[in-house]
Every structure is written in structure tokens, then in C-alpha cells.
Amino acid sequence: MPMYDYTCGRCERRFEAIVTASTADDVRCPDCGAAEVRRHTIAAFAVGSGRKEAAPMAGCGRCGDPRGPGACALD
């Protein structure tokens, strides 16, 4: 799903929103709730893995502790 940059037409706050085909017309400013928003460029794509738990970022390979092997109770 694409994530777009927006600017609120009322309070001028810049924000990002993940947009689907069904929510593209319902984007509102998170501060003032205004629907008068200007869409800018695509900021990023949101991608889900379908997993409920977070994937480890890096580390020992068993628990994902970024301090490396021996840093957690699993080693």
C-alpha cells in the first residue's frame, strides 16, 4: 500500500498517510481533522509480512538481540 505525504489546507501540518483504494478520499489531518488536504509524493510503500510478531532486525540469529551472540538468555 502506498504511503503519501500530505499537507493540511487548514492548519498547514505535513503528515503521512497509508492509502488504499477505499480510503483515498477519506484522508484527514491528524491534528485538526480537516478533510481539505493536499497530496504530495509517495513517501514509501507499506508492506506487511502477514506475521503477528515483529521480525528481528539483526543480531544473533536466535532472538534478534542486536547486541549479538551471548547477549540474551537463549545463549
PDB file of N, CA and C in Angstrom:
ATOM      1  N   MET A   1       0.845  -1.177   0.000  1.00  0.00           N
ATOM      2  CA  MET A   1       0.000   0.000   0.000  1.00  0.00           C
ATOM      3  C   MET A   1       0.884   1.232   0.000  1.00  0.00           C
ATOM      4  N   PRO A   2       0.560   2.228  -0.802  1.00  0.00           N
ATOM      5  CA  PRO A   2       1.400   3.427  -0.825  1.00  0.00           C
ATOM      6  C   PRO A   2       1.156   4.329   0.378  1.00  0.00           C
ATOM      7  N   MET A   3       2.216   4.989   0.800  1.00  0.00           N
ATOM      8  CA  MET A   3       2.138   5.984   1.855  1.00  0.00           C
ATOM      9  C   MET A   3       2.453   7.330   1.201  1.00  0.00           C
ATOM     10  N   TYR A   4       1.558   8.288   1.343  1.00  0.00           N
ATOM     11  CA  TYR A   4       1.726   9.595   0.720  1.00  0.00           C
ATOM     12  C   TYR A   4       2.016  10.667   1.752  1.00  0.00           C
ATOM     13  N   ASP A   5       2.715  11.711   1.306  1.00  0.00           N
ATOM     14  CA  ASP A   5       2.892  12.922   2.095  1.00  0.00           C
ATOM     15  C   ASP A   5       1.715  13.836   1.799  1.00  0.00           C
ATOM     16  N   TYR A   6       1.169  14.454   2.848  1.00  0.00           N
ATOM     17  CA  TYR A   6       0.052  15.384   2.713  1.00  0.00           C
ATOM     18  C   TYR A   6       0.360  16.673   3.458  1.00  0.00           C
ATOM     19  N   THR A   7      -0.328  17.750   3.077  1.00  0.00           N
ATOM     20  CA  THR A   7      -0.330  18.997   3.825  1.00  0.00           C
ATOM     21  C   THR A   7      -1.774  19.381   4.064  1.00  0.00           C
ATOM     22  N   CYS A   8      -2.092  19.732   5.291  1.00  0.00           N
ATOM     23  CA  CYS A   8      -3.443  20.134   5.645  1.00  0.00           C
ATOM     24  C   CYS A   8      -3.714  21.531   5.099  1.00  0.00           C
ATOM     25  N   GLY A   9      -4.868  21.719   4.479  1.00  0.00           N
ATOM     26  CA  GLY A   9      -5.248  23.011   3.947  1.00  0.00           C
ATOM     27  C   GLY A   9      -5.693  23.993   5.010  1.00  0.00           C
ATOM     28  N   ARG A  10      -6.026  23.497   6.199  1.00  0.00           N
ATOM     29  CA  ARG A  10      -6.487  24.370   7.272  1.00  0.00           C
ATOM     30  C   ARG A  10      -5.345  24.778   8.210  1.00  0.00           C
ATOM     31  N   CYS A  11      -4.613  23.803   8.752  1.00  0.00           N
ATOM     32  CA  CYS A  11      -3.570  24.128   9.744  1.00  0.00           C
ATOM     33  C   CYS A  11      -2.149  24.037   9.183  1.00  0.00           C
ATOM     34  N   GLU A  12      -2.005  23.611   7.911  1.00  0.00           N
ATOM     35  CA  GLU A  12      -0.716  23.528   7.222  1.00  0.00           C
ATOM     36  C   GLU A  12       0.225  22.471   7.785  1.00  0.00           C
ATOM     37  N   ARG A  13      -0.275  21.539   8.583  1.00  0.00           N
ATOM     38  CA  ARG A  13       0.577  20.465   9.103  1.00  0.00           C
ATOM     39  C   ARG A  13       0.901  19.487   7.986  1.00  0.00           C
ATOM     40  N   ARG A  14       2.158  19.042   7.920  1.00  0.00           N
ATOM     41  CA  ARG A  14       2.562  17.981   6.975  1.00  0.00           C
ATOM     42  C   ARG A  14       2.485  16.664   7.715  1.00  0.00           C
ATOM     43  N   PHE A  15       1.953  15.642   7.031  1.00  0.00           N
ATOM     44  CA  PHE A  15       1.836  14.322   7.636  1.00  0.00           C
ATOM     45  C   PHE A  15       1.859  13.266   6.544  1.00  0.00           C
ATOM     46  N   GLU A  16       2.005  12.014   6.962  1.00  0.00           N
ATOM     47  CA  GLU A  16       1.993  10.876   6.047  1.00  0.00           C
ATOM     48  C   GLU A  16       0.765  10.039   6.343  1.00  0.00           C
ATOM     49  N   ALA A  17       0.236   9.391   5.312  1.00  0.00           N
ATOM     50  CA  ALA A  17      -0.911   8.504   5.491  1.00  0.00           C
ATOM     51  C   ALA A  17      -0.792   7.334   4.528  1.00  0.00           C
ATOM     52  N   ILE A  18      -1.098   6.142   5.029  1.00  0.00           N
ATOM     53  CA  ILE A  18      -1.169   4.958   4.179  1.00  0.00           C
ATOM     54  C   ILE A  18      -2.530   4.990   3.494  1.00  0.00           C
ATOM     55  N   VAL A  19      -2.526   4.831   2.176  1.00  0.00           N
ATOM     56  CA  VAL A  19      -3.749   4.997   1.403  1.00  0.00           C
ATOM     57  C   VAL A  19      -4.056   3.715   0.630  1.00  0.00           C
ATOM     58  N   THR A  20      -5.298   3.272   0.735  1.00  0.00           N
ATOM     59  CA  THR A  20      -5.791   2.170  -0.078  1.00  0.00           C
ATOM     60  C   THR A  20      -6.834   2.737  -1.032  1.00  0.00           C
ATOM     61  N   ALA A  21      -7.296   1.937  -1.948  1.00  0.00           N
ATOM     62  CA  ALA A  21      -8.308   2.402  -2.892  1.00  0.00           C
ATOM     63  C   ALA A  21      -9.575   2.846  -2.170  1.00  0.00           C
ATOM     64  N   SER A  22      -9.919   2.197  -1.071  1.00  0.00           N
ATOM     65  CA  SER A  22     -11.140   2.539  -0.348  1.00  0.00           C
ATOM     66  C   SER A  22     -10.976   3.719   0.596  1.00  0.00           C
ATOM     67  N   THR A  23      -9.734   4.097   0.951  1.00  0.00           N
ATOM     68  CA  THR A  23      -9.531   5.209   1.890  1.00  0.00           C
ATOM     69  C   THR A  23      -8.957   6.452   1.231  1.00  0.00           C
ATOM     70  N   ALA A  24      -8.719   6.437  -0.064  1.00  0.00           N
ATOM     71  CA  ALA A  24      -8.065   7.561  -0.739  1.00  0.00           C
ATOM     72  C   ALA A  24      -8.842   8.861  -0.592  1.00  0.00           C
ATOM     73  N   ASP A  25     -10.168   8.801  -0.534  1.00  0.00           N
ATOM     74  CA  ASP A  25     -10.979  10.009  -0.419  1.00  0.00           C
ATOM     75  C   ASP A  25     -11.291  10.386   1.021  1.00  0.00           C
ATOM     76  N   ASP A  26     -10.810   9.599   1.991  1.00  0.00           N
ATOM     77  CA  ASP A  26     -11.139   9.823   3.396  1.00  0.00           C
ATOM     78  C   ASP A  26      -9.962  10.290   4.234  1.00  0.00           C
ATOM     79  N   VAL A  27      -8.910  10.788   3.611  1.00  0.00           N
ATOM     80  CA  VAL A  27      -7.727  11.218   4.362  1.00  0.00           C
ATOM     81  C   VAL A  27      -8.047  12.529   5.071  1.00  0.00           C
ATOM     82  N   ARG A  28      -7.760  12.570   6.361  1.00  0.00           N
ATOM     83  CA  ARG A  28      -7.992  13.764   7.176  1.00  0.00           C
ATOM     84  C   ARG A  28      -6.731  14.111   7.955  1.00  0.00           C
ATOM     85  N   CYS A  29      -6.602  15.375   8.289  1.00  0.00           N
ATOM     86  CA  CYS A  29      -5.467  15.842   9.081  1.00  0.00           C
ATOM     87  C   CYS A  29      -5.544  15.225  10.477  1.00  0.00           C
ATOM     88  N   PRO A  30      -4.450  14.636  10.972  1.00  0.00           N
ATOM     89  CA  PRO A  30      -4.476  14.030  12.305  1.00  0.00           C
ATOM     90  C   PRO A  30      -4.558  15.061  13.429  1.00  0.00           C
ATOM     91  N   ASP A  31      -4.224  16.332  13.156  1.00  0.00           N
ATOM     92  CA  ASP A  31      -4.288  17.366  14.187  1.00  0.00           C
ATOM     93  C   ASP A  31      -5.664  18.005  14.293  1.00  0.00           C
ATOM     94  N   CYS A  32      -6.159  18.553  13.176  1.00  0.00           N
ATOM     95  CA  CYS A  32      -7.412  19.317  13.231  1.00  0.00           C
ATOM     96  C   CYS A  32      -8.599  18.578  12.626  1.00  0.00           C
ATOM     97  N   GLY A  33      -8.366  17.431  11.960  1.00  0.00           N
ATOM     98  CA  GLY A  33      -9.449  16.646  11.402  1.00  0.00           C
ATOM     99  C   GLY A  33      -9.987  17.141  10.072  1.00  0.00           C
ATOM    100  N   ALA A  34      -9.357  18.146   9.494  1.00  0.00           N
ATOM    101  CA  ALA A  34      -9.832  18.711   8.228  1.00  0.00           C
ATOM    102  C   ALA A  34      -9.660  17.714   7.088  1.00  0.00           C
ATOM    103  N   ALA A  35     -10.629  17.702   6.183  1.00  0.00           N
ATOM    104  CA  ALA A  35     -10.548  16.847   5.005  1.00  0.00           C
ATOM    105  C   ALA A  35      -9.912  17.580   3.831  1.00  0.00           C
ATOM    106  N   GLU A  36      -9.642  18.870   3.990  1.00  0.00           N
ATOM    107  CA  GLU A  36      -9.016  19.666   2.925  1.00  0.00           C
ATOM    108  C   GLU A  36      -7.508  19.455   2.985  1.00  0.00           C
ATOM    109  N   VAL A  37      -7.038  18.394   2.360  1.00  0.00           N
ATOM    110  CA  VAL A  37      -5.613  18.057   2.372  1.00  0.00           C
ATOM    111  C   VAL A  37      -5.079  18.017   0.950  1.00  0.00           C
ATOM    112  N   ARG A  38      -3.802  18.360   0.797  1.00  0.00           N
ATOM    113  CA  ARG A  38      -3.130  18.297  -0.499  1.00  0.00           C
ATOM    114  C   ARG A  38      -2.166  17.125  -0.471  1.00  0.00           C
ATOM    115  N   ARG A  39      -2.289  16.245  -1.449  1.00  0.00           N
ATOM    116  CA  ARG A  39      -1.398  15.090  -1.534  1.00  0.00           C
ATOM    117  C   ARG A  39      -0.156  15.475  -2.318  1.00  0.00           C
ATOM    118  N   HIS A  40       0.995  15.042  -1.824  1.00  0.00           N
ATOM    119  CA  HIS A  40       2.269  15.294  -2.485  1.00  0.00           C
ATOM    120  C   HIS A  40       2.764  13.986  -3.087  1.00  0.00           C
ATOM    121  N   THR A  41       3.994  13.672  -2.896  1.00  0.00           N
ATOM    122  CA  THR A  41       4.612  12.490  -3.496  1.00  0.00           C
ATOM    123  C   THR A  41       4.386  11.247  -2.646  1.00  0.00           C
ATOM    124  N   ILE A  42       4.652  10.104  -3.240  1.00  0.00           N
ATOM    125  CA  ILE A  42       4.639   8.858  -2.477  1.00  0.00           C
ATOM    126  C   ILE A  42       5.849   8.869  -1.556  1.00  0.00           C
ATOM    127  N   ALA A  43       5.614   8.677  -0.268  1.00  0.00           N
ATOM    128  CA  ALA A  43       6.695   8.660   0.711  1.00  0.00           C
ATOM    129  C   ALA A  43       7.357   7.294   0.766  1.00  0.00           C
ATOM    130  N   ALA A  44       6.538   6.230   0.715  1.00  0.00           N
ATOM    131  CA  ALA A  44       7.060   4.863   0.811  1.00  0.00           C
ATOM    132  C   ALA A  44       5.920   3.900   0.536  1.00  0.00           C
ATOM    133  N   PHE A  45       6.248   2.641   0.505  1.00  0.00           N
ATOM    134  CA  PHE A  45       5.232   1.615   0.404  1.00  0.00           C
ATOM    135  C   PHE A  45       5.208   0.849   1.705  1.00  0.00           C
ATOM    136  N   ALA A  46       4.037   0.635   2.270  1.00  0.00           N
ATOM    137  CA  ALA A  46       3.883  -0.152   3.483  1.00  0.00           C
ATOM    138  C   ALA A  46       3.714  -1.611   3.066  1.00  0.00           C
ATOM    139  N   VAL A  47       4.523  -2.465   3.637  1.00  0.00           N
ATOM    140  CA  VAL A  47       4.491  -3.869   3.274  1.00  0.00           C
ATOM    141  C   VAL A  47       4.333  -4.690   4.536  1.00  0.00           C
ATOM    142  N   GLY A  48       3.383  -5.586   4.543  1.00  0.00           N
ATOM    143  CA  GLY A  48       3.173  -6.466   5.681  1.00  0.00           C
ATOM    144  C   GLY A  48       3.667  -7.859   5.368  1.00  0.00           C
ATOM    145  N   SER A  49       4.078  -8.567   6.389  1.00  0.00           N
ATOM    146  CA  SER A  49       4.576  -9.927   6.197  1.00  0.00           C
ATOM    147  C   SER A  49       3.505 -10.968   6.467  1.00  0.00           C
ATOM    148  N   GLY A  50       2.398 -10.538   7.064  1.00  0.00           N
ATOM    149  CA  GLY A  50       1.372 -11.489   7.439  1.00  0.00           C
ATOM    150  C   GLY A  50       1.632 -12.131   8.792  1.00  0.00           C
ATOM    151  N   ARG A  51       2.785 -11.855   9.398  1.00  0.00           N
ATOM    152  CA  ARG A  51       3.128 -12.395  10.709  1.00  0.00           C
ATOM    153  C   ARG A  51       2.654 -11.447  11.781  1.00  0.00           C
ATOM    154  N   LYS A  52       2.268 -11.979  12.922  1.00  0.00           N
ATOM    155  CA  LYS A  52       1.805 -11.144  14.019  1.00  0.00           C
ATOM    156  C   LYS A  52       2.956 -10.585  14.847  1.00  0.00           C
ATOM    157  N   GLU A  53       4.040 -11.329  14.970  1.00  0.00           N
ATOM    158  CA  GLU A  53       5.175 -10.854  15.762  1.00  0.00           C
ATOM    159  C   GLU A  53       6.146 -10.083  14.868  1.00  0.00           C
ATOM    160  N   ALA A  54       6.905  -9.207  15.467  1.00  0.00           N
ATOM    161  CA  ALA A  54       7.878  -8.414  14.719  1.00  0.00           C
ATOM    162  C   ALA A  54       9.071  -9.291  14.357  1.00  0.00           C
ATOM    163  N   ALA A  55       9.573  -9.094  13.175  1.00  0.00           N
ATOM    164  CA  ALA A  55      10.757  -9.825  12.737  1.00  0.00           C
ATOM    165  C   ALA A  55      11.998  -9.218  13.376  1.00  0.00           C
ATOM    166  N   PRO A  56      12.969 -10.024  13.749  1.00  0.00           N
ATOM    167  CA  PRO A  56      14.192  -9.485  14.316  1.00  0.00           C
ATOM    168  C   PRO A  56      14.909  -8.597  13.311  1.00  0.00           C
ATOM    169  N   MET A  57      15.477  -7.520  13.797  1.00  0.00           N
ATOM    170  CA  MET A  57      16.174  -6.584  12.925  1.00  0.00           C
ATOM    171  C   MET A  57      17.569  -7.090  12.582  1.00  0.00           C
ATOM    172  N   ALA A  58      18.257  -7.632  13.546  1.00  0.00           N
ATOM    173  CA  ALA A  58      19.603  -8.145  13.341  1.00  0.00           C
ATOM    174  C   ALA A  58      20.009  -8.857  14.616  1.00  0.00           C
ATOM    175  N   GLY A  59      21.196  -9.386  14.642  1.00  0.00           N
ATOM    176  CA  GLY A  59      21.680  -9.936  15.889  1.00  0.00           C
ATOM    177  C   GLY A  59      22.146 -11.360  15.784  1.00  0.00           C
ATOM    178  N   CYS A  60      21.874 -12.120  16.849  1.00  0.00           N
ATOM    179  CA  CYS A  60      22.470 -13.435  16.995  1.00  0.00           C
ATOM    180  C   CYS A  60      21.825 -14.503  16.125  1.00  0.00           C
ATOM    181  N   GLY A  61      20.661 -14.275  15.580  1.00  0.00           N
ATOM    182  CA  GLY A  61      20.014 -15.264  14.755  1.00  0.00           C
ATOM    183  C   GLY A  61      19.007 -16.124  15.489  1.00  0.00           C
ATOM    184  N   ARG A  62      19.028 -16.095  16.811  1.00  0.00           N
ATOM    185  CA  ARG A  62      18.048 -16.865  17.584  1.00  0.00           C
ATOM    186  C   ARG A  62      16.950 -15.972  18.119  1.00  0.00           C
ATOM    187  N   CYS A  63      17.314 -14.842  18.702  1.00  0.00           N
ATOM    188  CA  CYS A  63      16.292 -13.975  19.289  1.00  0.00           C
ATOM    189  C   CYS A  63      16.263 -12.607  18.624  1.00  0.00           C
ATOM    190  N   GLY A  64      17.291 -12.264  17.878  1.00  0.00           N
ATOM    191  CA  GLY A  64      17.344 -10.964  17.236  1.00  0.00           C
ATOM    192  C   GLY A  64      17.954  -9.873  18.078  1.00  0.00           C
ATOM    193  N   ASP A  65      18.531 -10.214  19.215  1.00  0.00           N
ATOM    194  CA  ASP A  65      19.146  -9.201  20.061  1.00  0.00           C
ATOM    195  C   ASP A  65      20.268  -8.524  19.291  1.00  0.00           C
ATOM    196  N   PRO A  66      20.182  -7.198  19.101  1.00  0.00           N
ATOM    197  CA  PRO A  66      21.187  -6.503  18.305  1.00  0.00           C
ATOM    198  C   PRO A  66      22.575  -6.465  18.936  1.00  0.00           C
ATOM    199  N   ARG A  67      22.684  -6.858  20.216  1.00  0.00           N
ATOM    200  CA  ARG A  67      24.000  -6.888  20.870  1.00  0.00           C
ATOM    201  C   ARG A  67      24.807  -8.091  20.453  1.00  0.00           C
ATOM    202  N   GLY A  68      24.179  -9.068  19.778  1.00  0.00           N
ATOM    203  CA  GLY A  68      24.918 -10.189  19.256  1.00  0.00           C
ATOM    204  C   GLY A  68      24.831 -11.442  20.092  1.00  0.00           C
ATOM    205  N   PRO A  69      25.544 -12.503  19.689  1.00  0.00           N
ATOM    206  CA  PRO A  69      25.518 -13.775  20.374  1.00  0.00           C
ATOM    207  C   PRO A  69      25.938 -13.652  21.829  1.00  0.00           C
ATOM    208  N   GLY A  70      25.241 -14.354  22.713  1.00  0.00           N
ATOM    209  CA  GLY A  70      25.579 -14.359  24.131  1.00  0.00           C
ATOM    210  C   GLY A  70      24.961 -13.212  24.919  1.00  0.00           C
ATOM    211  N   ALA A  71      24.225 -12.337  24.264  1.00  0.00           N
ATOM    212  CA  ALA A  71      23.680 -11.174  24.950  1.00  0.00           C
ATOM    213  C   ALA A  71      22.324 -11.445  25.597  1.00  0.00           C
ATOM    214  N   CYS A  72      21.687 -12.564  25.278  1.00  0.00           N
ATOM    215  CA  CYS A  72      20.363 -12.832  25.822  1.00  0.00           C
ATOM    216  C   CYS A  72      20.342 -14.157  26.571  1.00  0.00           C
ATOM    217  N   ALA A  73      19.197 -14.493  27.112  1.00  0.00           N
ATOM    218  CA  ALA A  73      19.059 -15.717  27.908  1.00  0.00           C
ATOM    219  C   ALA A  73      18.996 -16.983  27.053  1.00  0.00           C
ATOM    220  N   LEU A  74      18.833 -16.838  25.713  1.00  0.00           N
ATOM    221  CA  LEU A  74      18.763 -18.012  24.858  1.00  0.00           C
ATOM    222  C   LEU A  74      20.119 -18.641  24.600  1.00  0.00           C
ATOM    223  N   ASP A  75      21.199 -17.905  24.837  1.00  0.00           N
ATOM    224  CA  ASP A  75      22.553 -18.445  24.584  1.00  0.00           C
ATOM    225  C   ASP A  75      23.181 -18.951  25.847  1.00  0.00           C
TER     226      ASP A  75
END
